[in-house]
Amino acid sequence: MTIKSMWNDIKTMAWDTTRNFWRKGKKLITNSWEKWVSLAQQAATKGMNLINISGEEEMSAMKSDLSELAPSAKNTIATLISHSKFKKGIQLPPQDLLCAKITSYSYMEPEKRPYQVDEYYLEPTYNTPFHCIYLNHKEKICIIGYRGTEVNETKDILSDAQIILWVNAIDPRVTWSLQLFDQVRKSHPEYKKWICWHSLWWTLCYIVAKHRKVDYCCTFNPGSAPNKIFILMLTDTLQKKEWTQKIHTYKIIWDPISTFSFVGETTSFFAGLKLNPIDYHRMCNYYDRKE
């Protein structure tokens, strides 16, 4: 078995896993589990040096995934893949590691979030179960961390699946996210606005970045799907629209949720071998609060 054919099989199973994830929510089951483990073990014996995916190889591996897309959409994704970065091991620059920390803390109960993160301080007014805001008063930077999808919460999965599958594209959270940003802009007009997000709430993060004056946007394993709104965002990236130049997208190879995520400047990481494909998706890959 060649590394390319092995990669094709893994990508096919990852896409099947994504479909199960959307349809069944919490009951995420990989029907070809034994084959997945076998392929993972073979990859391990080949060594990480062989899993250094180039744009051409990535595109070849995704042929089956892209078969249902229009030719223009295929060409857009192919170009974006060729321009993205691929790295072994997860290493984030300081400001993106900071965003990873705050994104991770957004999953915590409000009263358990740390008051200080580096030189940033929690803003009590905006400390809710759905988001947290940290301020650097010296540098005048405001970071909004939106709580992403909790993979163990069925209601999160089903709601996000409606957006991704284009069943309920006008989700109330879109309006809520824009309103929150507007409130912060009014209460802290002199601060630069950064936003960060994880998982299937990628739509909201990118919509805020597109329709509001965001100074920086950092997303981690953002969900993706070949629907109209996402293809338009990919096209904006290809055309280097101004709003996409402020976005940094981080994704992990073999994460079944972020397969098509190439909005803004994209970096894909090879993060070792995991038996459960959904483990590639978790926020703890970027920052583990237990450490």
Protein backbone atom coordinates (compact mmCIF):
# COMPACT_ATOMS: atom_id res chain seq x y z
CA MET A 1 0.00 0.00 0.00
CA THR A 2 1.45 3.37 -1.04
CA ILE A 3 1.33 6.39 1.21
CA LYS A 4 -0.97 8.11 -1.31
CA SER A 5 -3.50 5.27 -1.45
CA MET A 6 -3.37 4.98 2.34
CA TRP A 7 -4.05 8.71 2.63
CA ASN A 8 -6.97 8.41 0.17
CA ASP A 9 -8.53 5.66 2.29
CA ILE A 10 -8.10 7.70 5.47
CA LYS A 11 -9.61 10.81 3.89
CA THR A 12 -12.58 8.81 2.61
CA MET A 13 -13.22 7.43 6.09
CA ALA A 14 -12.77 10.88 7.62
CA TRP A 15 -15.45 12.28 5.31
CA ASP A 16 -17.76 9.38 6.15
CA THR A 17 -17.15 10.12 9.83
CA THR A 18 -18.10 13.76 9.25
CA ARG A 19 -21.40 12.72 7.69
CA ASN A 20 -22.14 10.46 10.65
CA PHE A 21 -21.21 13.33 12.96
CA TRP A 22 -23.72 15.66 11.32
CA ARG A 23 -26.52 13.10 11.08
CA LYS A 24 -26.22 11.38 14.43
CA GLY A 25 -24.66 14.09 16.55
CA LYS A 26 -23.46 12.58 19.79
CA LYS A 27 -23.53 9.01 18.44
CA LEU A 28 -20.36 9.33 16.42
CA ILE A 29 -19.43 5.88 15.14
CA THR A 30 -16.85 4.94 12.56
CA ASN A 31 -18.11 1.80 10.79
CA SER A 32 -14.67 0.95 9.43
CA TRP A 33 -12.95 1.26 12.83
CA GLU A 34 -10.62 -1.73 12.44
CA LYS A 35 -9.43 -0.50 9.05
CA TRP A 36 -8.78 2.98 10.50
CA VAL A 37 -6.59 1.51 13.24
CA SER A 38 -4.75 -0.63 10.72
CA LEU A 39 -4.04 2.36 8.49
CA ALA A 40 -2.89 4.42 11.47
CA GLN A 41 -0.47 1.69 12.48
CA GLN A 42 0.89 1.46 8.93
CA ALA A 43 1.37 5.23 8.86
CA ALA A 44 3.29 5.02 12.11
CA THR A 45 5.67 2.45 10.67
CA LYS A 46 6.22 4.61 7.57
CA GLY A 47 7.35 7.48 9.77
CA MET A 48 6.25 11.08 10.03
CA ASN A 49 8.63 12.12 7.27
CA LEU A 50 6.36 10.44 4.74
CA ILE A 51 3.31 12.39 5.93
CA ASN A 52 4.49 15.76 4.72
CA ILE A 53 1.58 16.57 2.47
CA SER A 54 2.18 18.80 -0.53
CA GLY A 55 -0.58 20.74 -2.26
CA GLU A 56 -0.66 18.27 -5.16
CA GLU A 57 -0.87 15.25 -2.88
CA GLU A 58 -3.55 16.86 -0.72
CA MET A 59 -5.65 17.63 -3.77
CA SER A 60 -5.24 14.09 -5.08
CA ALA A 61 -6.29 12.68 -1.73
CA MET A 62 -9.45 14.81 -1.72
CA LYS A 63 -10.68 13.85 -5.18
CA SER A 64 -13.51 11.71 -3.84
CA ASP A 65 -14.49 14.43 -1.36
CA LEU A 66 -14.75 17.05 -4.11
CA SER A 67 -16.59 14.92 -6.66
CA GLU A 68 -19.96 16.54 -5.90
CA LEU A 69 -18.72 20.14 -6.17
CA ALA A 70 -19.00 22.41 -9.18
CA PRO A 71 -15.80 22.74 -11.26
CA SER A 72 -15.26 26.34 -10.12
CA ALA A 73 -15.47 25.29 -6.46
CA LYS A 74 -13.00 22.46 -7.07
CA ASN A 75 -10.54 24.85 -8.69
CA THR A 76 -10.89 27.29 -5.80
CA ILE A 77 -10.11 24.63 -3.19
CA ALA A 78 -7.25 23.21 -5.27
CA THR A 79 -5.61 26.64 -5.46
CA LEU A 80 -6.08 27.35 -1.76
CA ILE A 81 -4.59 23.98 -0.83
CA SER A 82 -1.52 24.69 -2.94
CA HIS A 83 -1.04 28.00 -1.10
CA SER A 84 -1.58 26.69 2.44
CA LYS A 85 1.11 25.61 4.88
CA PHE A 86 1.72 22.10 6.24
CA LYS A 87 3.72 21.49 9.40
CA LYS A 88 4.66 18.57 11.64
CA GLY A 89 3.70 19.09 15.26
CA ILE A 90 1.55 21.90 16.59
CA GLN A 91 3.48 25.08 17.26
CA LEU A 92 1.65 28.41 17.41
CA PRO A 93 3.16 31.90 17.36
CA PRO A 94 2.72 33.75 20.69
CA GLN A 95 -0.35 35.79 19.80
CA ASP A 96 -2.15 32.75 18.35
CA LEU A 97 -1.25 30.67 21.39
CA LEU A 98 -2.86 33.43 23.45
CA CYS A 99 -5.98 33.13 21.29
CA ALA A 100 -5.91 29.36 21.79
CA LYS A 101 -5.83 29.84 25.56
CA ILE A 102 -8.79 32.23 25.54
CA THR A 103 -10.72 30.01 23.14
CA SER A 104 -10.11 27.10 25.49
CA TYR A 105 -11.26 29.13 28.50
CA SER A 106 -14.50 30.01 26.70
CA TYR A 107 -15.59 26.40 27.28
CA MET A 108 -15.25 26.79 31.04
CA GLU A 109 -18.01 27.88 33.38
CA PRO A 110 -17.80 31.69 33.75
CA GLU A 111 -16.93 31.62 37.45
CA LYS A 112 -14.05 29.21 36.83
CA ARG A 113 -12.27 31.19 34.13
CA PRO A 114 -8.91 32.69 35.12
CA TYR A 115 -8.97 36.40 35.81
CA GLN A 116 -5.60 36.98 34.17
CA VAL A 117 -4.12 35.40 31.03
CA ASP A 118 -0.63 36.75 30.37
CA GLU A 119 -1.16 40.54 30.24
CA TYR A 120 -4.88 40.25 29.58
CA TYR A 121 -7.65 40.59 32.17
CA LEU A 122 -11.14 39.11 32.15
CA GLU A 123 -13.91 41.67 31.57
CA PRO A 124 -16.72 40.71 34.03
CA THR A 125 -19.42 42.52 32.06
CA TYR A 126 -19.09 40.11 29.15
CA ASN A 127 -18.31 36.93 31.07
CA THR A 128 -21.15 34.59 30.07
CA PRO A 129 -21.50 30.85 29.30
CA PHE A 130 -21.28 31.66 25.59
CA HIS A 131 -18.26 33.93 25.42
CA CYS A 132 -15.50 35.62 27.38
CA ILE A 133 -13.55 38.80 26.77
CA TYR A 134 -10.01 39.61 27.87
CA LEU A 135 -8.50 43.10 27.78
CA ASN A 136 -4.93 44.28 27.57
CA HIS A 137 -5.21 47.81 28.92
CA LYS A 138 -1.62 48.73 28.07
CA GLU A 139 -1.68 47.60 24.44
CA LYS A 140 -5.40 48.47 24.03
CA ILE A 141 -6.38 45.07 22.68
CA CYS A 142 -9.70 43.33 23.28
CA ILE A 143 -9.96 39.59 22.56
CA ILE A 144 -13.42 38.04 22.22
CA GLY A 145 -13.40 34.29 22.74
CA TYR A 146 -16.61 32.67 21.53
CA ARG A 147 -17.49 29.28 22.95
CA GLY A 148 -17.48 26.75 20.14
CA THR A 149 -19.28 23.47 19.71
CA GLU A 150 -19.08 21.01 22.56
CA VAL A 151 -18.74 17.60 20.90
CA ASN A 152 -20.39 15.94 23.90
CA GLU A 153 -23.50 18.13 23.67
CA THR A 154 -26.16 16.77 21.30
CA LYS A 155 -27.97 20.12 21.06
CA ASP A 156 -24.77 21.81 19.86
CA ILE A 157 -24.17 19.14 17.22
CA LEU A 158 -27.71 19.20 15.84
CA SER A 159 -27.90 22.99 15.71
CA ASP A 160 -24.54 23.27 13.93
CA ALA A 161 -25.47 20.50 11.53
CA GLN A 162 -28.46 22.55 10.39
CA ILE A 163 -26.19 25.42 9.42
CA ILE A 164 -23.59 23.22 7.73
CA LEU A 165 -26.15 21.23 5.77
CA TRP A 166 -27.86 24.49 4.74
CA VAL A 167 -31.08 23.53 6.54
CA ASN A 168 -31.09 26.59 8.79
CA ALA A 169 -28.57 29.04 7.39
CA ILE A 170 -30.15 32.04 9.17
CA ASP A 171 -29.35 30.92 12.69
CA PRO A 172 -30.16 33.30 15.59
CA ARG A 173 -26.54 33.00 16.71
CA VAL A 174 -25.45 34.97 13.63
CA THR A 175 -27.43 38.01 14.80
CA TRP A 176 -26.34 37.46 18.40
CA SER A 177 -22.66 37.31 17.43
CA LEU A 178 -22.84 40.53 15.44
CA GLN A 179 -24.73 42.27 18.25
CA LEU A 180 -22.11 41.21 20.79
CA PHE A 181 -19.32 42.60 18.63
CA ASP A 182 -21.23 45.87 18.22
CA GLN A 183 -21.70 46.16 21.99
CA VAL A 184 -18.00 45.62 22.62
CA ARG A 185 -17.11 48.13 19.93
CA LYS A 186 -19.25 50.76 21.69
CA SER A 187 -18.01 49.98 25.20
CA HIS A 188 -14.31 49.81 24.18
CA PRO A 189 -14.00 51.97 21.06
CA GLU A 190 -10.28 52.64 21.52
CA TYR A 191 -9.33 48.94 21.68
CA LYS A 192 -8.30 46.75 18.75
CA LYS A 193 -10.77 43.90 18.30
CA TRP A 194 -9.56 40.32 18.02
CA ILE A 195 -11.91 37.34 17.78
CA CYS A 196 -11.18 33.65 18.19
CA TRP A 197 -13.24 30.52 17.77
CA HIS A 198 -13.16 26.75 17.57
CA SER A 199 -15.12 24.04 15.82
CA LEU A 200 -18.43 24.25 13.99
CA TRP A 201 -19.14 27.86 14.87
CA TRP A 202 -16.71 28.81 12.12
CA THR A 203 -19.62 30.35 10.15
CA LEU A 204 -20.28 32.92 12.86
CA CYS A 205 -16.62 33.81 13.28
CA TYR A 206 -16.09 34.38 9.58
CA ILE A 207 -19.35 36.33 9.21
CA VAL A 208 -18.33 38.68 12.03
CA ALA A 209 -14.89 39.11 10.41
CA LYS A 210 -16.48 39.83 7.04
CA HIS A 211 -19.19 42.26 8.15
CA ARG A 212 -17.48 44.09 11.01
CA LYS A 213 -14.16 45.87 11.41
CA VAL A 214 -12.14 43.08 13.00
CA ASP A 215 -8.42 43.63 13.49
CA TYR A 216 -7.52 39.95 13.86
CA CYS A 217 -9.34 36.61 13.64
CA CYS A 218 -7.96 33.24 14.73
CA THR A 219 -9.87 29.98 14.25
CA PHE A 220 -9.01 26.45 15.34
CA ASN A 221 -10.28 23.38 13.46
CA PRO A 222 -13.21 25.33 12.01
CA GLY A 223 -15.95 23.15 10.61
CA SER A 224 -16.45 23.10 6.86
CA ALA A 225 -18.95 21.95 4.28
CA PRO A 226 -19.44 22.41 0.53
CA ASN A 227 -22.44 24.75 0.89
CA LYS A 228 -23.00 28.12 -0.76
CA ILE A 229 -21.84 30.40 2.05
CA PHE A 230 -18.63 28.47 2.62
CA ILE A 231 -17.73 28.35 -1.08
CA LEU A 232 -18.19 32.13 -1.23
CA MET A 233 -15.79 32.53 1.70
CA LEU A 234 -13.23 30.33 -0.04
CA THR A 235 -13.64 32.42 -3.18
CA ASP A 236 -13.05 35.59 -1.16
CA THR A 237 -9.84 34.04 0.16
CA LEU A 238 -8.70 33.14 -3.34
CA GLN A 239 -9.39 36.72 -4.47
CA LYS A 240 -7.55 38.03 -1.40
CA LYS A 241 -10.45 40.13 -0.21
CA GLU A 242 -9.37 42.48 2.56
CA TRP A 243 -11.34 40.75 5.31
CA THR A 244 -9.67 37.39 4.63
CA GLN A 245 -6.19 38.90 5.10
CA LYS A 246 -6.88 39.23 8.83
CA ILE A 247 -7.82 35.58 9.33
CA HIS A 248 -5.53 32.79 10.52
CA THR A 249 -7.02 29.30 10.24
CA TYR A 250 -5.41 26.36 11.99
CA LYS A 251 -6.51 22.82 11.28
CA ILE A 252 -5.25 19.32 11.95
CA ILE A 253 -4.80 16.79 9.17
CA TRP A 254 -7.30 13.92 9.57
CA ASP A 255 -9.73 16.07 11.54
CA PRO A 256 -13.00 15.06 9.80
CA ILE A 257 -14.74 18.33 10.72
CA SER A 258 -12.33 20.82 9.11
CA THR A 259 -11.63 19.05 5.82
CA PHE A 260 -12.48 22.01 3.56
CA SER A 261 -11.37 24.80 5.91
CA PHE A 262 -9.02 27.00 3.90
CA VAL A 263 -10.36 30.50 4.68
CA GLY A 264 -7.69 33.16 5.21
CA GLU A 265 -4.09 32.12 5.86
CA THR A 266 -4.29 28.39 6.58
CA THR A 267 -1.86 26.13 8.39
CA SER A 268 -2.46 22.37 8.62
CA PHE A 269 -0.66 20.33 11.27
CA PHE A 270 0.18 16.67 11.49
CA ALA A 271 -0.45 16.01 15.18
CA GLY A 272 0.56 12.39 15.64
CA LEU A 273 -1.67 9.33 15.44
CA LYS A 274 -4.95 8.96 17.32
CA LEU A 275 -7.28 5.98 17.29
CA ASN A 276 -10.45 8.08 17.46
CA PRO A 277 -10.65 10.53 14.51
CA ILE A 278 -12.72 13.04 16.50
CA ASP A 279 -9.75 13.45 18.86
CA TYR A 280 -8.01 15.40 16.09
CA HIS A 281 -10.80 17.96 16.35
CA ARG A 282 -10.61 18.81 20.05
CA MET A 283 -9.39 22.20 21.23
CA CYS A 284 -6.97 20.57 23.68
CA ASN A 285 -4.70 19.80 20.70
CA TYR A 286 -3.78 23.49 20.64
CA TYR A 287 -3.94 24.28 24.34
CA ASP A 288 -4.68 21.82 27.12
CA ARG A 289 -5.95 23.49 30.28
CA LYS A 290 -4.86 20.45 32.29
CA GLU A 291 -1.18 21.07 31.58
